[in-house]
Amino acid sequence: MNVSVVLFTSDLRLHDHPPLRAALDGSREVVPLFVRDRAVDAAGFAAPNRLAFLADCLRDLDAGLRQRGGRLVLRSGDLVEEVCRVAAEAEADEVHLAADGSAYARRREGRLRRALEAEGVRLHVHGTVTTVVDPGVLAPGSSDHFAVFTPYFGHWSRQRLRDVLGAPRVVRVPAGVGSAELPDRKGLSGLSPALAEGGETEGRARLTAWLRSGVAAYEDRHDDLAGDATSRLSPHLHFGTLSPVELVHRARAAGGPGAEAFVRQVAWRDFHRQVLAARPGAAVADYRTKHDRWRTERTAGEDVEAWRDGRTGYPVVDAAMRQLRHEGWMHNRGRLLTASFLTKTLYVDWRIGARHFLDLLVDGDVANNQLNWQWMAGTGTDSRPNRVLNPVTQAKRYDPDGAYVRRWVPELADLEGAAVHEPWRLRGLDRAAFDYPEPIVGLTDGLARFRRARGRD
């Protein structure tokens, strides 16, 4: 036997792909396999926006393999059963896949290893495929993980990166291994109208453009809401159409404060993964509880609905929520603002917000999403758990002339300058001219409620 199976998961690319390169070693034939895991769907993670982006990624991956003489094999069902079935059909003696630190992925890997070993097939798991530094590699002497980002980043920055691997020139796939039909986003409903295109080809083009004309200004402009000066590479990192290792190599080669600030954001991604790998319960429960008695859907239903719909009466919050619904993506500063508003100004359970984000975000990632929500709710790793972001102050700082708000809240388009951030200051006929709601809560009232709940009044 001289056949390997490469199981693609959240690493849907050909460039810098250690499992694929290892599987091809010695001119072996390879079955590039993706399994649509029904357990992931059953857990509620099959959101339309991500399914559409995934369809793009799989089609692009298949096209890249066909350019090299191969093809992608697609199966659906129980992942362990399907991998074992494909290995038997191809008479493969080994399976390669990327390491994943999530609790579900580790359990699945254990099941897969036992099932393959029973059939005499070896399982090879490769690190630093979806992360720059794998969970568990770095830890302080007193714990199994870092709970504070700054010391973690210091250790992370000193790690020697592996070399970037080129894409293979030839991929030979054995005959006789059947595949399901590749999905197409055209058959999906409920998509955000301006959802971005997925796939490695698109991701690499976006990365090249970003390094050429965007990263130099990143340190100064990454919070500029209207300027949209972030990389928008998060969906490609989530689906693995870009290698985080290659991304850091190339950013550091570009150099400068902007590149350094951007690499720091990549490190945050690894930081959250190592926290969740060590504390998997933080996906659904407080990492550091404040014993909050959060308002729920039952007790705060109208407020939650207004927040989701972008009708809170706070223009910058509403603009960000409307961007999320329209694009399946939200500016990072907008994510912070909307999360702070829901959890601290409205005092609503962070899990309600996290679920809504996962329903729409094309980059919806459990580690980043849940732990960033907890950061803003004050139940995560933030050293200032009671900080509250004032949406008006933040809007004037990061959208000073109101361009972001006017883009996403067109009913306020005729309000000039920073006045767009406080439409409630208008009086009489001037206020009546705008079909926009009054604030659902006063900022002073919201802050007082939060401080009472946290015992800080």
Protein backbone atom coordinates (compact mmCIF):
# COMPACT_ATOMS: atom_id res chain seq x y z
CA MET A 1 0.00 0.00 0.00
CA ASN A 2 1.26 3.46 -0.91
CA VAL A 3 -1.81 5.66 -0.40
CA SER A 4 -2.49 8.39 2.17
CA VAL A 5 -5.70 10.18 3.11
CA VAL A 6 -5.50 13.88 3.96
CA LEU A 7 -8.50 14.95 6.01
CA PHE A 8 -9.18 18.66 5.52
CA THR A 9 -11.10 20.39 8.30
CA SER A 10 -10.54 24.11 8.95
CA ASP A 11 -7.46 24.20 6.72
CA LEU A 12 -8.96 24.49 3.24
CA ARG A 13 -5.87 25.42 1.27
CA LEU A 14 -2.93 23.99 -0.67
CA HIS A 15 -0.24 26.50 0.32
CA ASP A 16 1.62 25.91 3.59
CA HIS A 17 -0.27 22.73 4.41
CA PRO A 18 1.92 20.36 6.50
CA PRO A 19 -0.52 17.39 6.46
CA LEU A 20 -0.75 17.44 2.66
CA ARG A 21 3.00 17.78 2.18
CA ALA A 22 3.67 14.91 4.61
CA ALA A 23 1.07 12.72 2.90
CA LEU A 24 2.72 13.30 -0.48
CA ASP A 25 6.16 12.36 0.80
CA GLY A 26 7.72 9.62 -1.30
CA SER A 27 5.45 10.24 -4.29
CA ARG A 28 2.50 8.61 -2.60
CA GLU A 29 -1.01 8.78 -3.97
CA VAL A 30 -3.29 10.91 -1.84
CA VAL A 31 -7.02 11.13 -1.24
CA PRO A 32 -7.84 14.77 -0.32
CA LEU A 33 -10.97 14.35 1.79
CA PHE A 34 -13.47 16.70 3.37
CA VAL A 35 -16.30 15.30 5.50
CA ARG A 36 -19.38 17.39 6.21
CA ASP A 37 -19.63 16.30 9.86
CA ARG A 38 -23.28 15.89 10.78
CA ALA A 39 -22.43 16.36 14.48
CA VAL A 40 -21.27 19.91 13.74
CA ASP A 41 -24.56 20.60 11.97
CA ALA A 42 -26.53 19.08 14.84
CA ALA A 43 -24.75 21.38 17.30
CA GLY A 44 -26.16 24.41 15.48
CA PHE A 45 -23.00 25.66 13.80
CA ALA A 46 -24.25 25.27 10.21
CA ALA A 47 -25.19 28.93 9.81
CA PRO A 48 -26.11 29.96 6.23
CA ASN A 49 -23.33 32.53 5.84
CA ARG A 50 -20.65 30.06 6.87
CA LEU A 51 -22.14 27.31 4.73
CA ALA A 52 -21.97 29.62 1.71
CA PHE A 53 -18.37 30.59 2.42
CA LEU A 54 -17.54 26.91 2.98
CA ALA A 55 -19.04 26.03 -0.40
CA ASP A 56 -16.79 28.62 -2.04
CA CYS A 57 -13.78 27.22 -0.21
CA LEU A 58 -14.46 23.62 -1.19
CA ARG A 59 -15.00 24.52 -4.84
CA ASP A 60 -11.80 26.54 -4.92
CA LEU A 61 -9.87 23.75 -3.19
CA ASP A 62 -11.17 21.24 -5.71
CA ALA A 63 -10.19 23.54 -8.59
CA GLY A 64 -6.68 23.90 -7.19
CA LEU A 65 -6.33 20.13 -6.82
CA ARG A 66 -7.57 19.56 -10.37
CA GLN A 67 -4.95 21.97 -11.69
CA ARG A 68 -2.42 19.62 -10.11
CA GLY A 69 -3.98 16.43 -11.44
CA GLY A 70 -6.07 15.62 -8.39
CA ARG A 71 -9.55 16.29 -7.03
CA LEU A 72 -11.36 16.76 -3.75
CA VAL A 73 -13.39 13.88 -2.31
CA LEU A 74 -16.44 15.04 -0.40
CA ARG A 75 -18.44 12.90 2.03
CA SER A 76 -21.17 13.62 4.55
CA GLY A 77 -22.11 11.86 7.78
CA ASP A 78 -20.26 10.70 10.86
CA LEU A 79 -16.67 11.84 10.32
CA VAL A 80 -15.01 8.80 11.84
CA GLU A 81 -17.13 6.38 9.85
CA GLU A 82 -16.57 8.25 6.59
CA VAL A 83 -12.79 8.54 7.02
CA CYS A 84 -12.54 4.82 7.77
CA ARG A 85 -14.73 4.06 4.75
CA VAL A 86 -12.58 6.16 2.41
CA ALA A 87 -9.36 4.68 3.80
CA ALA A 88 -10.70 1.19 3.09
CA GLU A 89 -11.84 2.11 -0.43
CA ALA A 90 -8.44 3.59 -1.27
CA GLU A 91 -6.51 0.86 0.56
CA ALA A 92 -4.71 3.64 2.43
CA ASP A 93 -2.32 2.89 5.26
CA GLU A 94 -2.22 6.34 6.83
CA VAL A 95 -4.37 9.40 7.47
CA HIS A 96 -3.07 12.94 8.02
CA LEU A 97 -4.95 15.86 9.59
CA ALA A 98 -4.35 19.17 11.36
CA ALA A 99 -4.42 19.38 15.14
CA ASP A 100 -7.39 21.13 16.71
CA GLY A 101 -7.49 22.11 20.36
CA SER A 102 -11.26 22.24 20.85
CA ALA A 103 -12.79 19.70 23.20
CA TYR A 104 -15.04 18.27 20.47
CA ALA A 105 -12.15 17.96 18.00
CA ARG A 106 -9.97 16.19 20.58
CA ARG A 107 -12.72 13.69 21.36
CA ARG A 108 -13.29 13.14 17.65
CA GLU A 109 -9.57 12.65 17.07
CA GLY A 110 -9.46 10.00 19.80
CA ARG A 111 -12.37 8.13 18.23
CA LEU A 112 -10.75 8.35 14.82
CA ARG A 113 -7.41 7.08 16.06
CA ARG A 114 -8.95 4.04 17.73
CA ALA A 115 -11.10 3.22 14.70
CA LEU A 116 -8.19 3.52 12.26
CA GLU A 117 -5.80 1.54 14.43
CA ALA A 118 -8.34 -1.27 14.54
CA GLU A 119 -8.02 -1.39 10.75
CA GLY A 120 -4.22 -1.16 10.75
CA VAL A 121 -4.18 2.47 9.56
CA ARG A 122 -1.90 5.07 11.18
CA LEU A 123 -3.16 8.54 12.12
CA HIS A 124 -0.73 11.48 11.90
CA VAL A 125 -1.77 14.75 13.54
CA HIS A 126 0.14 17.89 12.54
CA GLY A 127 0.52 21.04 14.62
CA THR A 128 0.81 24.70 13.58
CA VAL A 129 -1.62 24.31 10.70
CA THR A 130 -4.51 26.41 12.01
CA THR A 131 -2.51 28.29 14.66
CA VAL A 132 0.90 29.92 14.84
CA VAL A 133 1.58 28.36 18.25
CA ASP A 134 -0.54 25.39 19.24
CA PRO A 135 -2.60 25.35 22.47
CA GLY A 136 -0.67 23.88 25.38
CA VAL A 137 2.79 24.70 24.04
CA LEU A 138 3.06 27.84 26.16
CA ALA A 139 2.09 27.91 29.83
CA PRO A 140 3.26 29.71 32.97
CA GLY A 141 4.80 27.65 35.74
CA SER A 142 1.73 27.93 37.93
CA SER A 143 -0.98 26.93 35.44
CA ASP A 144 -1.77 24.91 32.33
CA HIS A 145 -2.50 28.05 30.30
CA PHE A 146 -2.02 31.81 30.24
CA ALA A 147 -4.98 33.76 31.58
CA VAL A 148 -3.45 37.17 30.74
CA PHE A 149 -2.59 38.17 27.19
CA THR A 150 0.49 40.35 27.72
CA PRO A 151 2.79 37.65 29.20
CA TYR A 152 1.39 35.15 26.71
CA PHE A 153 2.25 37.48 23.84
CA GLY A 154 5.78 37.90 25.17
CA HIS A 155 6.37 34.14 25.07
CA TRP A 156 4.46 33.76 21.79
CA SER A 157 6.61 36.40 20.09
CA ARG A 158 9.80 34.58 20.99
CA GLN A 159 8.72 31.27 19.48
CA ARG A 160 10.59 30.23 16.35
CA LEU A 161 8.15 29.82 13.48
CA ARG A 162 8.37 26.83 11.21
CA ASP A 163 9.19 27.48 7.56
CA VAL A 164 6.37 28.15 5.11
CA LEU A 165 5.67 25.25 2.75
CA GLY A 166 4.88 25.76 -0.91
CA ALA A 167 1.84 24.27 -2.58
CA PRO A 168 2.45 20.86 -4.20
CA ARG A 169 2.95 20.78 -7.95
CA VAL A 170 1.29 17.40 -8.49
CA VAL A 171 -1.38 15.54 -6.53
CA ARG A 172 -2.18 12.01 -7.69
CA VAL A 173 -5.50 10.61 -6.46
CA PRO A 174 -6.22 6.88 -6.75
CA ALA A 175 -9.12 5.89 -8.96
CA GLY A 176 -12.32 4.39 -7.59
CA VAL A 177 -12.92 6.65 -4.59
CA GLY A 178 -16.33 8.23 -5.02
CA SER A 179 -17.34 11.72 -3.99
CA ALA A 180 -20.55 13.57 -3.27
CA GLU A 181 -21.36 16.63 -5.35
CA LEU A 182 -19.67 19.82 -4.22
CA PRO A 183 -22.02 22.36 -2.57
CA ASP A 184 -22.86 25.69 -4.16
CA ARG A 185 -23.89 28.84 -2.32
CA LYS A 186 -26.55 29.46 -4.99
CA GLY A 187 -28.74 26.84 -3.37
CA LEU A 188 -28.69 28.47 0.07
CA SER A 189 -31.20 30.89 1.56
CA GLY A 190 -30.92 33.35 4.42
CA LEU A 191 -27.56 34.75 3.33
CA SER A 192 -26.34 38.24 4.09
CA PRO A 193 -26.72 40.25 0.86
CA ALA A 194 -23.09 41.41 0.77
CA LEU A 195 -21.46 38.22 2.00
CA ALA A 196 -17.80 38.01 0.93
CA GLU A 197 -16.46 35.37 -1.45
CA GLY A 198 -14.56 32.45 0.03
CA GLY A 199 -11.71 30.27 -1.13
CA GLU A 200 -7.91 30.20 -1.07
CA THR A 201 -7.60 32.12 -4.34
CA GLU A 202 -9.63 35.01 -2.94
CA GLY A 203 -7.84 34.84 0.42
CA ARG A 204 -4.37 35.02 -1.08
CA ALA A 205 -5.34 37.90 -3.34
CA ARG A 206 -6.78 39.78 -0.37
CA LEU A 207 -3.65 39.11 1.71
CA THR A 208 -1.34 40.37 -1.03
CA ALA A 209 -3.40 43.54 -1.47
CA TRP A 210 -3.51 44.08 2.29
CA LEU A 211 0.27 43.78 2.69
CA ARG A 212 0.82 46.09 -0.26
CA SER A 213 -1.55 48.90 0.65
CA GLY A 214 -3.18 48.36 4.05
CA VAL A 215 -0.93 47.01 6.76
CA ALA A 216 1.40 50.04 6.97
CA ALA A 217 -1.42 52.20 8.31
CA TYR A 218 -3.01 49.51 10.47
CA GLU A 219 -1.72 50.73 13.83
CA ASP A 220 -3.16 54.20 13.26
CA ARG A 221 -6.38 53.27 11.44
CA HIS A 222 -7.58 49.89 12.69
CA ASP A 223 -10.27 51.51 14.88
CA ASP A 224 -11.48 53.86 12.13
CA LEU A 225 -15.04 52.63 11.64
CA ALA A 226 -15.76 54.51 8.40
CA GLY A 227 -12.28 53.92 6.99
CA ASP A 228 -12.74 50.13 7.02
CA ALA A 229 -8.98 49.81 7.38
CA THR A 230 -8.80 46.30 8.82
CA SER A 231 -7.62 43.32 6.77
CA ARG A 232 -10.97 41.46 6.61
CA LEU A 233 -8.91 38.27 6.61
CA SER A 234 -10.70 36.73 9.62
CA PRO A 235 -13.03 34.52 7.52
CA HIS A 236 -10.03 33.13 5.66
CA LEU A 237 -8.25 32.36 8.92
CA HIS A 238 -11.41 30.73 10.26
CA PHE A 239 -11.72 28.38 7.28
CA GLY A 240 -7.98 27.99 6.88
CA THR A 241 -7.77 29.27 3.33
CA LEU A 242 -4.83 31.29 4.65
CA SER A 243 -2.09 29.90 6.88
CA PRO A 244 -1.60 31.92 10.07
CA VAL A 245 2.08 30.95 10.04
CA GLU A 246 2.55 32.30 6.53
CA LEU A 247 0.56 35.39 7.42
CA VAL A 248 2.87 36.21 10.34
CA HIS A 249 5.99 35.53 8.26
CA ARG A 250 4.79 37.87 5.53
CA ALA A 251 3.62 40.60 7.92
CA ARG A 252 6.94 40.57 9.74
CA ALA A 253 8.74 40.75 6.41
CA ALA A 254 6.69 43.85 5.56
CA GLY A 255 7.79 45.36 8.87
CA GLY A 256 6.79 48.54 10.63
CA PRO A 257 4.39 49.46 13.45
CA GLY A 258 1.34 48.50 11.40
CA ALA A 259 2.62 44.99 10.79
CA GLU A 260 3.56 44.62 14.45
CA ALA A 261 0.07 45.66 15.53
CA PHE A 262 -1.46 43.24 13.04
CA VAL A 263 0.69 40.32 14.25
CA ARG A 264 -0.46 41.12 17.78
CA GLN A 265 -4.05 40.55 16.66
CA VAL A 266 -3.08 37.17 15.21
CA ALA A 267 -1.57 36.32 18.59
CA TRP A 268 -4.89 37.15 20.28
CA ARG A 269 -6.44 34.43 18.13
CA ASP A 270 -3.94 31.86 19.45
CA PHE A 271 -4.40 33.19 22.99
CA HIS A 272 -8.12 32.52 22.94
CA ARG A 273 -7.57 29.05 21.55
CA GLN A 274 -5.20 28.09 24.35
CA VAL A 275 -7.67 29.43 26.94
CA LEU A 276 -10.56 27.43 25.50
CA ALA A 277 -8.45 24.31 25.05
CA ALA A 278 -7.60 24.41 28.76
CA ARG A 279 -11.08 25.49 29.88
CA PRO A 280 -13.58 24.11 27.33
CA GLY A 281 -16.49 24.97 29.60
CA ALA A 282 -15.85 28.66 28.87
CA ALA A 283 -17.68 28.17 25.56
CA VAL A 284 -20.95 28.26 27.50
CA ALA A 285 -20.12 29.35 31.07
CA ASP A 286 -18.29 32.25 32.68
CA TYR A 287 -14.52 31.88 32.70
CA ARG A 288 -14.48 34.06 35.82
CA THR A 289 -17.95 34.43 37.23
CA LYS A 290 -19.22 37.69 38.68
CA HIS A 291 -22.40 35.93 39.83
CA ASP A 292 -24.46 38.06 37.49
CA ARG A 293 -28.22 37.75 37.38
CA TRP A 294 -28.40 38.63 33.71
CA ARG A 295 -31.60 39.72 32.04
CA THR A 296 -32.77 36.99 29.64
CA GLU A 297 -34.83 36.74 26.46
CA ARG A 298 -37.91 36.39 28.66
CA THR A 299 -37.23 39.44 30.83
CA ALA A 300 -35.60 41.67 28.20
CA GLY A 301 -37.17 40.45 24.97
CA GLU A 302 -37.99 43.87 23.49
CA ASP A 303 -34.53 45.23 24.23
CA VAL A 304 -32.85 42.18 22.71
CA GLU A 305 -35.00 42.42 19.59
CA ALA A 306 -34.17 46.12 19.19
CA TRP A 307 -30.46 45.32 19.57
CA ARG A 308 -30.59 42.56 16.97
CA ASP A 309 -32.53 44.72 14.52
CA GLY A 310 -30.33 47.79 14.90
CA ARG A 311 -33.11 49.90 16.41
CA THR A 312 -31.71 50.74 19.86
CA GLY A 313 -31.73 54.51 19.30
CA TYR A 314 -27.93 54.64 19.57
CA PRO A 315 -26.76 55.18 15.98
CA VAL A 316 -23.28 53.66 16.19
CA VAL A 317 -24.64 50.50 17.85
CA ASP A 318 -27.39 50.23 15.25
CA ALA A 319 -24.95 50.84 12.39
CA ALA A 320 -22.73 47.98 13.52
CA MET A 321 -25.66 45.59 13.97
CA ARG A 322 -26.95 46.42 10.50
CA GLN A 323 -23.50 45.89 9.01
CA LEU A 324 -23.47 42.44 10.62
CA ARG A 325 -26.78 41.49 9.07
CA HIS A 326 -25.89 42.88 5.62
CA GLU A 327 -22.33 41.56 5.32
CA GLY A 328 -22.08 38.67 7.77
CA TRP A 329 -19.13 40.57 9.19
CA MET A 330 -18.64 43.48 11.57
CA HIS A 331 -15.79 45.90 12.19
CA ASN A 332 -13.91 44.88 15.33
CA ARG A 333 -14.56 48.20 17.08
CA GLY A 334 -18.24 47.67 16.32
CA ARG A 335 -18.08 44.22 17.91
CA LEU A 336 -16.72 45.72 21.11
CA LEU A 337 -19.32 48.48 21.17
CA THR A 338 -22.33 46.25 20.51
CA ALA A 339 -21.19 43.65 23.03
CA SER A 340 -20.62 46.24 25.74
CA PHE A 341 -24.00 47.79 25.02
CA LEU A 342 -25.87 44.48 25.28
CA THR A 343 -24.13 43.12 28.36
CA LYS A 344 -23.48 46.25 30.39
CA THR A 345 -25.85 48.99 29.24
CA LEU A 346 -28.78 46.57 28.78
CA TYR A 347 -27.43 44.00 31.27
CA VAL A 348 -28.42 41.07 29.02
CA ASP A 349 -26.74 37.66 29.22
CA TRP A 350 -23.63 37.58 27.01
CA ARG A 351 -24.63 34.15 25.65
CA ILE A 352 -27.61 35.73 23.87
CA GLY A 353 -25.31 38.09 22.01
CA ALA A 354 -22.72 35.41 21.32
CA ARG A 355 -25.38 33.17 19.79
CA HIS A 356 -26.64 35.94 17.51
CA PHE A 357 -23.11 36.65 16.33
CA LEU A 358 -22.52 32.95 15.60
CA ASP A 359 -25.76 32.88 13.61
CA LEU A 360 -24.50 35.58 11.24
CA LEU A 361 -20.72 35.96 11.35
CA VAL A 362 -18.93 34.29 8.45
CA ASP A 363 -15.84 34.21 10.69
CA GLY A 364 -17.93 32.84 13.57
CA ASP A 365 -15.28 31.09 15.65
CA VAL A 366 -16.18 29.62 19.01
CA ALA A 367 -12.93 30.53 20.79
CA ASN A 368 -12.72 34.10 19.54
CA ASN A 369 -16.44 34.77 19.69
CA GLN A 370 -17.24 33.37 23.12
CA LEU A 371 -14.13 34.67 24.83
CA ASN A 372 -14.35 38.12 23.29
CA TRP A 373 -17.98 38.30 24.42
CA GLN A 374 -16.87 37.34 27.92
CA TRP A 375 -14.11 39.94 27.75
CA MET A 376 -16.72 42.64 27.18
CA ALA A 377 -19.17 41.13 29.68
CA GLY A 378 -16.44 41.19 32.33
CA THR A 379 -16.54 37.43 32.94
CA GLY A 380 -13.50 36.50 30.85
CA THR A 381 -9.80 37.38 30.94
CA ASP A 382 -10.16 41.18 31.05
CA SER A 383 -8.30 42.72 34.00
CA ARG A 384 -10.92 45.51 34.10
CA PRO A 385 -14.15 43.49 34.17
CA ASN A 386 -16.40 46.45 35.04
CA ARG A 387 -15.39 48.78 32.20
CA VAL A 388 -18.33 50.10 30.18
CA LEU A 389 -17.95 51.56 26.68
CA ASN A 390 -20.05 54.68 26.23
CA PRO A 391 -21.45 54.42 22.67
CA VAL A 392 -21.64 58.19 22.16
CA THR A 393 -18.09 58.82 23.33
CA GLN A 394 -16.84 55.90 21.28
CA ALA A 395 -18.74 57.05 18.21
CA LYS A 396 -17.29 60.54 18.37
CA ARG A 397 -13.80 59.10 18.76
CA TYR A 398 -13.90 56.40 16.07
CA ASP A 399 -16.48 57.86 13.67
CA PRO A 400 -15.92 61.58 14.25
CA ASP A 401 -17.75 62.90 11.19
CA GLY A 402 -20.48 60.23 11.32
CA ALA A 403 -19.69 58.64 7.94
CA TYR A 404 -20.00 55.07 9.29
CA VAL A 405 -23.38 55.79 10.88
CA ARG A 406 -24.76 57.50 7.78
CA ARG A 407 -23.65 54.52 5.66
CA TRP A 408 -25.59 51.99 7.72
CA VAL A 409 -28.39 54.11 9.21
CA PRO A 410 -29.60 55.94 6.10
CA GLU A 411 -32.62 57.43 7.86
CA LEU A 412 -30.11 59.74 9.60
CA ALA A 413 -28.16 60.59 6.44
CA ASP A 414 -29.29 64.22 6.46
CA LEU A 415 -27.77 64.87 9.89
CA GLU A 416 -24.36 66.40 9.36
CA GLY A 417 -21.15 65.73 11.24
CA ALA A 418 -21.06 64.41 14.78
CA ALA A 419 -24.70 65.44 15.35
CA VAL A 420 -25.68 62.12 13.78
CA HIS A 421 -24.53 60.36 16.95
CA GLU A 422 -27.11 62.11 19.18
CA PRO A 423 -30.35 62.55 17.23
CA TRP A 424 -32.33 62.70 20.48
CA ARG A 425 -30.93 66.20 21.03
CA LEU A 426 -33.12 67.49 18.19
CA ARG A 427 -36.40 69.06 19.19
CA GLY A 428 -39.88 69.47 17.74
CA LEU A 429 -40.24 69.29 13.96
CA ASP A 430 -36.50 68.81 13.52
CA ARG A 431 -36.70 65.54 15.49
CA ALA A 432 -39.96 64.45 13.86
CA ALA A 433 -38.30 64.64 10.44
CA PHE A 434 -36.25 61.51 11.21
CA ASP A 435 -37.89 58.07 11.36
CA TYR A 436 -35.54 56.76 14.00
CA PRO A 437 -36.34 55.48 17.49
CA GLU A 438 -35.59 57.16 20.78
CA PRO A 439 -32.92 55.41 22.92
CA ILE A 440 -34.32 52.27 24.52
CA VAL A 441 -32.47 53.12 27.74
CA GLY A 442 -30.68 56.17 29.10
CA LEU A 443 -26.92 55.64 29.38
CA THR A 444 -26.96 56.90 32.96
CA ASP A 445 -29.79 54.51 33.85
CA GLY A 446 -28.05 51.58 32.16
CA LEU A 447 -24.79 52.30 33.95
CA ALA A 448 -26.53 52.59 37.31
CA ARG A 449 -28.31 49.25 36.80
CA PHE A 450 -25.03 47.55 35.89
CA ARG A 451 -23.18 49.02 38.86
CA ARG A 452 -25.96 47.89 41.23
CA ALA A 453 -25.85 44.40 39.75
CA ARG A 454 -22.10 44.21 40.27
CA GLY A 455 -22.34 45.69 43.79
CA ARG A 456 -20.45 48.83 42.83
CA ASP A 457 -23.07 51.51 43.49
